[in-house]
Protein backbone atom coordinates (compact mmCIF):
# COMPACT_ATOMS: atom_id res chain seq x y z
CA MET A 1 0.07 0.00 0.00
CA HIS A 2 1.05 3.38 -0.78
CA GLY A 3 -0.85 5.48 2.01
CA ASP A 4 -3.00 7.14 -0.59
CA GLY A 5 -5.66 4.29 -0.85
CA GLY A 6 -3.20 2.21 -3.02
CA GLN A 7 -3.61 4.22 -6.16
CA TRP A 8 -0.74 4.57 -8.05
CA PRO A 9 0.65 7.02 -9.45
CA PRO A 10 -1.09 9.47 -7.03
CA VAL A 11 -3.88 11.04 -8.51
CA SER A 12 -5.46 14.77 -8.02
CA ASP A 13 -8.96 15.72 -7.81
CA GLN A 14 -9.15 16.43 -11.50
CA GLY A 15 -7.74 12.75 -12.36
CA GLN A 16 -4.42 13.70 -13.61
CA PRO A 17 -1.25 12.50 -11.73
CA ARG A 18 0.18 15.01 -9.20
CA TYR A 19 3.46 14.94 -10.77
CA ARG A 20 2.12 16.29 -13.91
CA ARG A 21 1.71 19.61 -12.20
CA ILE A 22 4.98 19.80 -10.98
CA TRP A 23 6.69 18.55 -14.07
CA SER A 24 4.74 21.50 -16.10
CA MET A 25 5.95 24.06 -13.57
CA VAL A 26 9.72 22.74 -14.16
CA GLN A 27 9.05 23.21 -18.01
CA VAL A 28 7.57 26.48 -17.62
CA GLY A 29 11.03 27.53 -15.94
CA VAL A 30 13.10 25.87 -18.65
CA LEU A 31 10.90 27.21 -21.41
CA SER A 32 10.93 30.67 -20.20
CA ALA A 33 14.65 30.66 -20.01
CA ALA A 34 14.88 29.40 -23.64
CA VAL A 35 12.77 31.95 -24.72
CA ILE A 36 14.75 34.95 -23.09
CA TYR A 37 17.89 33.38 -24.44
CA CYS A 38 16.48 33.44 -27.96
CA ILE A 39 15.26 36.89 -27.87
CA VAL A 40 18.53 38.01 -26.33
CA MET A 41 20.63 36.45 -28.87
CA LEU A 42 18.42 37.75 -31.73
CA LEU A 43 18.65 41.35 -30.29
CA LEU A 44 22.55 40.85 -29.75
CA GLY A 45 22.79 39.81 -33.61
CA ALA A 46 23.47 36.33 -33.90
CA GLY A 47 24.56 36.76 -37.52
CA ASN A 48 24.08 33.57 -39.67
CA LEU A 49 22.24 31.89 -36.72
CA ALA A 50 19.44 34.74 -36.37
CA ARG A 51 17.06 32.18 -38.17
CA VAL A 52 17.55 29.37 -35.82
CA TYR A 53 16.87 31.53 -32.85
CA ALA A 54 13.94 33.12 -34.39
CA VAL A 55 12.59 29.44 -34.87
CA GLY A 56 13.61 28.34 -31.45
CA ALA A 57 11.66 31.48 -29.84
CA VAL A 58 8.50 30.58 -31.51
CA PHE A 59 8.92 26.76 -30.78
CA PHE A 60 9.79 27.33 -27.16
CA GLY A 61 7.22 30.20 -26.86
CA LEU A 62 4.33 27.89 -28.28
CA ALA A 63 5.45 25.06 -25.87
CA LEU A 64 5.46 27.50 -23.05
CA ALA A 65 2.03 29.02 -23.88
CA GLY A 66 0.57 25.20 -23.67
CA HIS A 67 2.15 24.52 -20.29
CA SER A 68 1.28 27.93 -18.88
CA THR A 69 -2.30 27.23 -20.17
CA PHE A 70 -2.48 23.71 -18.67
CA LEU A 71 -1.26 25.09 -15.30
CA TRP A 72 -3.82 28.07 -15.47
CA LEU A 73 -6.83 25.75 -16.23
CA THR A 74 -5.51 23.18 -13.43
CA ALA A 75 -5.31 25.92 -10.86
CA ARG A 76 -8.94 27.36 -11.85
CA ALA A 77 -10.43 23.95 -11.68
CA ALA A 78 -8.99 23.32 -8.20
CA ARG A 79 -10.10 26.63 -6.89
CA ASP A 80 -13.69 26.16 -8.51
CA GLY A 81 -13.85 22.65 -6.88
CA ARG A 82 -14.20 20.89 -10.36
């Protein structure tokens, strides 16, 4: 037994594994750093890698938006008792 009724992995009230929220928080931090790095490199003049940093900023930005939306919806559902 795991002390939580025997359910593995531990599940939140929304039916999501608890580690998923923690993992999304970690990914939001890493993706934020990646987007900031790409924007700084673009502003400093990356030369022949400008396209790479632009694509990276868009790609990481979309992933950041997705993870942030997941965290926002999860927090809203927990607050509203859904």
